PDB file of N, CA and C in Angstrom:
ATOM      1  N   UNK A   1       2.585  18.048  -9.177  1.00  0.00           N
ATOM      2  CA  UNK A   1       1.667  18.162  -7.590  1.00  0.00           C
ATOM      3  C   UNK A   1       2.520  16.998  -6.550  1.00  0.00           C
ATOM      4  N   UNK A   2       2.876  17.537  -5.664  1.00  0.00           N
ATOM      5  CA  UNK A   2       3.489  16.185  -4.575  1.00  0.00           C
ATOM      6  C   UNK A   2       2.047  16.259  -3.817  1.00  0.00           C
ATOM      7  N   UNK A   3       1.703  14.821  -3.289  1.00  0.00           N
ATOM      8  CA  UNK A   3       1.212  14.404  -2.063  1.00  0.00           C
ATOM      9  C   UNK A   3       0.916  13.780  -0.841  1.00  0.00           C
ATOM     10  N   UNK A   4       0.998  14.002   0.206  1.00  0.00           N
ATOM     11  CA  UNK A   4       1.241  13.219   0.900  1.00  0.00           C
ATOM     12  C   UNK A   4       0.298  11.910   1.451  1.00  0.00           C
ATOM     13  N   UNK A   5       0.499  10.864   1.695  1.00  0.00           N
ATOM     14  CA  UNK A   5       0.140  10.251   2.116  1.00  0.00           C
ATOM     15  C   UNK A   5       0.285   9.117   3.186  1.00  0.00           C
ATOM     16  N   UNK A   6      -0.578   7.729   3.233  1.00  0.00           N
ATOM     17  CA  UNK A   6      -0.451   7.157   4.746  1.00  0.00           C
ATOM     18  C   UNK A   6      -0.150   6.028   3.774  1.00  0.00           C
ATOM     19  N   UNK A   7       1.390   5.292   4.691  1.00  0.00           N
ATOM     20  CA  UNK A   7       1.916   4.143   4.759  1.00  0.00           C
ATOM     21  C   UNK A   7       1.321   3.071   6.083  1.00  0.00           C
ATOM     22  N   UNK A   8       0.582   1.769   5.826  1.00  0.00           N
ATOM     23  CA  UNK A   8       0.195   1.308   7.188  1.00  0.00           C
ATOM     24  C   UNK A   8       0.797   0.486   7.070  1.00  0.00           C
ATOM     25  N   UNK A   9       1.529  -0.154   7.859  1.00  0.00           N
ATOM     26  CA  UNK A   9       2.915  -1.073   7.723  1.00  0.00           C
ATOM     27  C   UNK A   9       2.402  -2.351   8.661  1.00  0.00           C
ATOM     28  N   UNK A  10       1.785  -3.520   7.928  1.00  0.00           N
ATOM     29  CA  UNK A  10       2.373  -4.737   9.237  1.00  0.00           C
ATOM     30  C   UNK A  10       3.491  -5.807   8.831  1.00  0.00           C
ATOM     31  N   UNK A  11       3.722  -6.348   9.572  1.00  0.00           N
ATOM     32  CA  UNK A  11       4.630  -7.938   9.412  1.00  0.00           C
ATOM     33  C   UNK A  11       3.656  -9.130   8.949  1.00  0.00           C
ATOM     34  N   UNK A  12       4.438  -9.958   7.518  1.00  0.00           N
ATOM     35  CA  UNK A  12       3.300 -10.880   7.275  1.00  0.00           C
ATOM     36  C   UNK A  12       4.578 -11.750   7.495  1.00  0.00           C
ATOM     37  N   UNK A  13       5.019 -12.631   8.083  1.00  0.00           N
ATOM     38  CA  UNK A  13       6.151 -14.035   8.333  1.00  0.00           C
ATOM     39  C   UNK A  13       7.234 -13.101   7.862  1.00  0.00           C
ATOM     40  N   UNK A  14       8.155 -13.237   6.852  1.00  0.00           N
ATOM     41  CA  UNK A  14       9.594 -12.482   7.257  1.00  0.00           C
ATOM     42  C   UNK A  14       9.221 -10.858   5.976  1.00  0.00           C
ATOM     43  N   UNK A  15       8.108 -10.591   6.007  1.00  0.00           N
ATOM     44  CA  UNK A  15       8.078  -9.857   4.518  1.00  0.00           C
ATOM     45  C   UNK A  15       6.986  -8.368   5.696  1.00  0.00           C
ATOM     46  N   UNK A  16       7.542  -6.838   5.635  1.00  0.00           N
ATOM     47  CA  UNK A  16       6.353  -5.892   5.523  1.00  0.00           C
ATOM     48  C   UNK A  16       5.591  -5.364   4.806  1.00  0.00           C
ATOM     49  N   UNK A  17       4.407  -5.553   5.277  1.00  0.00           N
ATOM     50  CA  UNK A  17       3.334  -5.600   3.395  1.00  0.00           C
ATOM     51  C   UNK A  17       2.821  -4.190   4.566  1.00  0.00           C
ATOM     52  N   UNK A  18       3.073  -2.878   2.822  1.00  0.00           N
ATOM     53  CA  UNK A  18       2.663  -1.495   3.351  1.00  0.00           C
ATOM     54  C   UNK A  18       1.132  -1.910   2.434  1.00  0.00           C
ATOM     55  N   UNK A  19       0.346  -0.786   3.152  1.00  0.00           N
ATOM     56  CA  UNK A  19      -0.657  -0.220   2.466  1.00  0.00           C
ATOM     57  C   UNK A  19      -1.045   0.810   2.182  1.00  0.00           C
ATOM     58  N   UNK A  20      -1.569   1.231   1.287  1.00  0.00           N
ATOM     59  CA  UNK A  20      -1.537   3.228   1.152  1.00  0.00           C
ATOM     60  C   UNK A  20      -3.451   3.103   1.519  1.00  0.00           C
ATOM     61  N   UNK A  21      -4.082   3.638   2.210  1.00  0.00           N
ATOM     62  CA  UNK A  21      -5.250   3.258   2.351  1.00  0.00           C
ATOM     63  C   UNK A  21      -6.386   4.597   1.484  1.00  0.00           C
ATOM     64  N   UNK A  22      -5.502   5.622   1.389  1.00  0.00           N
ATOM     65  CA  UNK A  22      -5.839   6.613   0.254  1.00  0.00           C
ATOM     66  C   UNK A  22      -6.028   5.937  -1.238  1.00  0.00           C
ATOM     67  N   UNK A  23      -5.080   5.225  -1.783  1.00  0.00           N
ATOM     68  CA  UNK A  23      -5.512   4.542  -2.999  1.00  0.00           C
ATOM     69  C   UNK A  23      -5.773   3.142  -2.631  1.00  0.00           C
ATOM     70  N   UNK A  24      -5.534   2.525  -1.772  1.00  0.00           N
ATOM     71  CA  UNK A  24      -5.687   1.309  -2.023  1.00  0.00           C
ATOM     72  C   UNK A  24      -4.949   0.468  -2.827  1.00  0.00           C
ATOM     73  N   UNK A  25      -3.597   0.543  -2.718  1.00  0.00           N
ATOM     74  CA  UNK A  25      -2.792   0.081  -3.113  1.00  0.00           C
ATOM     75  C   UNK A  25      -1.810  -0.601  -2.006  1.00  0.00           C
ATOM     76  N   UNK A  26      -1.428  -1.736  -2.004  1.00  0.00           N
ATOM     77  CA  UNK A  26      -0.416  -2.419  -1.709  1.00  0.00           C
ATOM     78  C   UNK A  26       0.663  -2.882  -1.910  1.00  0.00           C
ATOM     79  N   UNK A  27       1.378  -3.438  -1.652  1.00  0.00           N
ATOM     80  CA  UNK A  27       3.209  -3.117  -1.835  1.00  0.00           C
ATOM     81  C   UNK A  27       3.644  -4.144  -0.741  1.00  0.00           C
ATOM     82  N   UNK A  28       4.997  -4.789  -1.083  1.00  0.00           N
ATOM     83  CA  UNK A  28       5.798  -5.630   0.378  1.00  0.00           C
ATOM     84  C   UNK A  28       7.163  -5.535   0.365  1.00  0.00           C
ATOM     85  N   UNK A  29       8.165  -5.757   0.885  1.00  0.00           N
ATOM     86  CA  UNK A  29       9.533  -5.652   0.826  1.00  0.00           C
ATOM     87  C   UNK A  29      10.208  -6.537   2.180  1.00  0.00           C
ATOM     88  N   UNK A  30      11.501  -6.543   2.024  1.00  0.00           N
ATOM     89  CA  UNK A  30      12.089  -7.117   2.955  1.00  0.00           C
ATOM     90  C   UNK A  30      12.539  -6.398   4.283  1.00  0.00           C
ATOM     91  N   UNK A  31      12.563  -4.803   3.987  1.00  0.00           N
ATOM     92  CA  UNK A  31      12.779  -3.833   5.062  1.00  0.00           C
ATOM     93  C   UNK A  31      11.161  -3.252   5.194  1.00  0.00           C
ATOM     94  N   UNK A  32      11.066  -2.183   6.437  1.00  0.00           N
ATOM     95  CA  UNK A  32      10.962  -1.407   6.076  1.00  0.00           C
ATOM     96  C   UNK A  32      10.435  -0.311   4.633  1.00  0.00           C
ATOM     97  N   UNK A  33      11.688   0.282   5.274  1.00  0.00           N
ATOM     98  CA  UNK A  33      12.252   1.167   3.740  1.00  0.00           C
ATOM     99  C   UNK A  33      11.920   0.520   2.399  1.00  0.00           C
ATOM    100  N   UNK A  34      12.311  -0.466   2.076  1.00  0.00           N
ATOM    101  CA  UNK A  34      12.153  -1.110   0.698  1.00  0.00           C
ATOM    102  C   UNK A  34      10.810  -1.791   0.825  1.00  0.00           C
ATOM    103  N   UNK A  35       9.579  -1.588   1.795  1.00  0.00           N
ATOM    104  CA  UNK A  35       8.411  -1.929   1.391  1.00  0.00           C
ATOM    105  C   UNK A  35       7.395  -0.655   0.941  1.00  0.00           C
ATOM    106  N   UNK A  36       8.233   0.494   1.823  1.00  0.00           N
ATOM    107  CA  UNK A  36       7.445   1.392   0.954  1.00  0.00           C
ATOM    108  C   UNK A  36       8.119   2.453   0.277  1.00  0.00           C
ATOM    109  N   UNK A  37       9.400   1.990  -0.123  1.00  0.00           N
ATOM    110  CA  UNK A  37       9.695   2.443  -1.494  1.00  0.00           C
ATOM    111  C   UNK A  37       8.884   1.462  -2.998  1.00  0.00           C
ATOM    112  N   UNK A  38       8.652   0.351  -2.699  1.00  0.00           N
ATOM    113  CA  UNK A  38       7.442  -0.489  -3.482  1.00  0.00           C
ATOM    114  C   UNK A  38       6.335  -0.174  -3.113  1.00  0.00           C
ATOM    115  N   UNK A  39       5.959   0.514  -2.060  1.00  0.00           N
ATOM    116  CA  UNK A  39       4.471   0.837  -1.922  1.00  0.00           C
ATOM    117  C   UNK A  39       4.117   2.596  -2.950  1.00  0.00           C
ATOM    118  N   UNK A  40       5.125   3.114  -2.537  1.00  0.00           N
ATOM    119  CA  UNK A  40       5.340   4.857  -3.456  1.00  0.00           C
ATOM    120  C   UNK A  40       5.457   4.233  -5.103  1.00  0.00           C
ATOM    121  N   UNK A  41       6.248   3.562  -5.522  1.00  0.00           N
ATOM    122  CA  UNK A  41       6.236   2.720  -7.032  1.00  0.00           C
ATOM    123  C   UNK A  41       4.754   2.463  -7.640  1.00  0.00           C
ATOM    124  N   UNK A  42       4.241   1.757  -6.556  1.00  0.00           N
ATOM    125  CA  UNK A  42       2.897   1.558  -6.937  1.00  0.00           C
ATOM    126  C   UNK A  42       1.497   2.186  -6.958  1.00  0.00           C
ATOM    127  N   UNK A  43       1.688   2.815  -5.811  1.00  0.00           N
ATOM    128  CA  UNK A  43       0.583   3.957  -6.513  1.00  0.00           C
ATOM    129  C   UNK A  43       1.037   5.035  -7.137  1.00  0.00           C
ATOM    130  N   UNK A  44       2.587   5.250  -7.230  1.00  0.00           N
ATOM    131  CA  UNK A  44       2.801   6.292  -8.900  1.00  0.00           C
ATOM    132  C   UNK A  44       2.114   5.768 -10.316  1.00  0.00           C
ATOM    133  N   UNK A  45       2.136   4.455  -9.743  1.00  0.00           N
ATOM    134  CA  UNK A  45       1.981   4.041 -11.415  1.00  0.00           C
ATOM    135  C   UNK A  45       0.194   3.486 -10.936  1.00  0.00           C
ATOM    136  N   UNK A  46      -0.567   3.627 -10.306  1.00  0.00           N
ATOM    137  CA  UNK A  46      -2.105   3.586 -10.022  1.00  0.00           C
ATOM    138  C   UNK A  46      -1.983   4.608  -9.987  1.00  0.00           C
ATOM    139  N   UNK A  47      -1.814   6.090  -9.674  1.00  0.00           N
ATOM    140  CA  UNK A  47      -2.505   7.476  -9.651  1.00  0.00           C
ATOM    141  C   UNK A  47      -2.236   8.180 -11.072  1.00  0.00           C
ATOM    142  N   UNK A  48      -1.219   7.260 -12.046  1.00  0.00           N
ATOM    143  CA  UNK A  48      -1.268   7.408 -13.576  1.00  0.00           C
ATOM    144  C   UNK A  48      -2.469   6.991 -14.228  1.00  0.00           C
ATOM    145  N   UNK A  49      -2.992   6.098 -13.974  1.00  0.00           N
ATOM    146  CA  UNK A  49      -4.229   5.495 -14.522  1.00  0.00           C
ATOM    147  C   UNK A  49      -5.597   6.172 -14.013  1.00  0.00           C
ATOM    148  N   UNK A  50      -5.478   5.992 -12.397  1.00  0.00           N
ATOM    149  CA  UNK A  50      -6.606   6.617 -11.666  1.00  0.00           C
ATOM    150  C   UNK A  50      -6.385   7.538 -11.026  1.00  0.00           C
ATOM    151  N   UNK A  51      -6.241   8.828 -11.478  1.00  0.00           N
ATOM    152  CA  UNK A  51      -6.091  10.224 -10.571  1.00  0.00           C
ATOM    153  C   UNK A  51      -7.018  10.087  -9.616  1.00  0.00           C
ATOM    154  N   UNK A  52      -6.300  10.961  -8.598  1.00  0.00           N
ATOM    155  CA  UNK A  52      -7.012  11.879  -6.723  1.00  0.00           C
ATOM    156  C   UNK A  52      -8.248  12.422  -7.324  1.00  0.00           C
ATOM    157  N   UNK A  53      -9.044  12.282  -7.134  1.00  0.00           N
ATOM    158  CA  UNK A  53     -10.104  13.468  -6.955  1.00  0.00           C
ATOM    159  C   UNK A  53      -9.833  14.315  -5.851  1.00  0.00           C
ATOM    160  N   UNK A  54      -9.914  15.258  -6.083  1.00  0.00           N
ATOM    161  CA  UNK A  54      -9.146  16.359  -4.884  1.00  0.00           C
ATOM    162  C   UNK A  54     -10.336  16.602  -3.518  1.00  0.00           C
ATOM    163  N   UNK A  55     -10.526  15.800  -2.604  1.00  0.00           N
ATOM    164  CA  UNK A  55     -11.284  15.360  -1.493  1.00  0.00           C
ATOM    165  C   UNK A  55     -10.301  15.454  -0.051  1.00  0.00           C
ATOM    166  N   UNK A  56      -9.291  16.328  -0.452  1.00  0.00           N
ATOM    167  CA  UNK A  56      -8.723  16.512   1.208  1.00  0.00           C
ATOM    168  C   UNK A  56      -8.283  15.444   1.484  1.00  0.00           C
ATOM    169  N   UNK A  57      -7.600  15.519   2.807  1.00  0.00           N
ATOM    170  CA  UNK A  57      -6.990  14.539   3.251  1.00  0.00           C
ATOM    171  C   UNK A  57      -7.664  13.393   4.269  1.00  0.00           C
ATOM    172  N   UNK A  58      -7.519  12.465   4.289  1.00  0.00           N
ATOM    173  CA  UNK A  58      -7.802  11.169   5.065  1.00  0.00           C
ATOM    174  C   UNK A  58      -7.767  11.619   6.518  1.00  0.00           C
ATOM    175  N   UNK A  59      -8.999  10.929   7.009  1.00  0.00           N
ATOM    176  CA  UNK A  59      -8.770  11.021   9.182  1.00  0.00           C
ATOM    177  C   UNK A  59      -8.147   9.389   9.221  1.00  0.00           C
ATOM    178  N   UNK A  60      -7.064   9.873  10.145  1.00  0.00           N
ATOM    179  CA  UNK A  60      -6.538   8.474  10.375  1.00  0.00           C
ATOM    180  C   UNK A  60      -6.799   8.357  12.208  1.00  0.00           C
ATOM    181  N   UNK A  61      -7.652   7.501  12.916  1.00  0.00           N
ATOM    182  CA  UNK A  61      -7.668   7.650  14.387  1.00  0.00           C
ATOM    183  C   UNK A  61      -7.585   6.295  14.788  1.00  0.00           C
ATOM    184  N   UNK A  62      -7.328   5.886  16.021  1.00  0.00           N
ATOM    185  CA  UNK A  62      -7.379   4.568  16.565  1.00  0.00           C
ATOM    186  C   UNK A  62      -8.561   4.326  17.477  1.00  0.00           C
ATOM    187  N   UNK A  63      -8.984   3.018  17.653  1.00  0.00           N
ATOM    188  CA  UNK A  63     -10.585   2.666  18.875  1.00  0.00           C
ATOM    189  C   UNK A  63      -9.957   1.148  19.809  1.00  0.00           C
ATOM    190  N   UNK A  64     -10.172   1.325  20.496  1.00  0.00           N
ATOM    191  CA  UNK A  64     -10.087  -0.308  20.981  1.00  0.00           C
ATOM    192  C   UNK A  64     -10.902  -1.426  21.310  1.00  0.00           C
ATOM    193  N   UNK A  65     -11.272  -2.406  21.002  1.00  0.00           N
ATOM    194  CA  UNK A  65     -12.478  -3.410  21.201  1.00  0.00           C
ATOM    195  C   UNK A  65     -11.030  -4.141  22.805  1.00  0.00           C
ATOM    196  N   UNK A  66     -12.707  -5.061  23.262  1.00  0.00           N
ATOM    197  CA  UNK A  66     -11.905  -6.094  24.146  1.00  0.00           C
ATOM    198  C   UNK A  66     -11.384  -6.753  23.259  1.00  0.00           C
ATOM    199  N   UNK A  67     -10.382  -7.825  23.543  1.00  0.00           N
ATOM    200  CA  UNK A  67      -9.992  -8.965  23.359  1.00  0.00           C
ATOM    201  C   UNK A  67     -10.590  -9.941  22.910  1.00  0.00           C
ATOM    202  N   UNK A  68     -12.308 -10.447  23.688  1.00  0.00           N
ATOM    203  CA  UNK A  68     -13.150 -11.410  23.071  1.00  0.00           C
ATOM    204  C   UNK A  68     -14.142 -10.642  22.174  1.00  0.00           C
ATOM    205  N   UNK A  69     -14.023  -8.901  21.711  1.00  0.00           N
ATOM    206  CA  UNK A  69     -14.602  -9.339  20.443  1.00  0.00           C
ATOM    207  C   UNK A  69     -15.868  -8.032  20.821  1.00  0.00           C
ATOM    208  N   UNK A  70     -15.956  -8.006  22.390  1.00  0.00           N
ATOM    209  CA  UNK A  70     -17.425  -7.429  22.947  1.00  0.00           C
ATOM    210  C   UNK A  70     -16.816  -5.931  22.836  1.00  0.00           C
ATOM    211  N   UNK A  71     -17.615  -5.208  22.357  1.00  0.00           N
ATOM    212  CA  UNK A  71     -17.388  -3.662  22.529  1.00  0.00           C
ATOM    213  C   UNK A  71     -17.353  -3.086  24.078  1.00  0.00           C
ATOM    214  N   UNK A  72     -16.685  -2.249  24.357  1.00  0.00           N
ATOM    215  CA  UNK A  72     -16.703  -1.416  25.825  1.00  0.00           C
ATOM    216  C   UNK A  72     -17.211  -0.268  25.773  1.00  0.00           C
TER     217      UNK A  72
END
């Protein structure tokens, strides 16, 4: 069975760091494609040991904060 997961990408120096919030896995690469490929491999290995319970899809959204940390 295939499952669609989320990859959150951040740049840290010369690397792209990829995180899968559903599984809690993290990997990195020199390019976006490499970071996602590495994240896919890490997540597949993780899920072999710790399979998902069928809880449905995560909800992803955004929110805003002021630059000084006070809620608006």
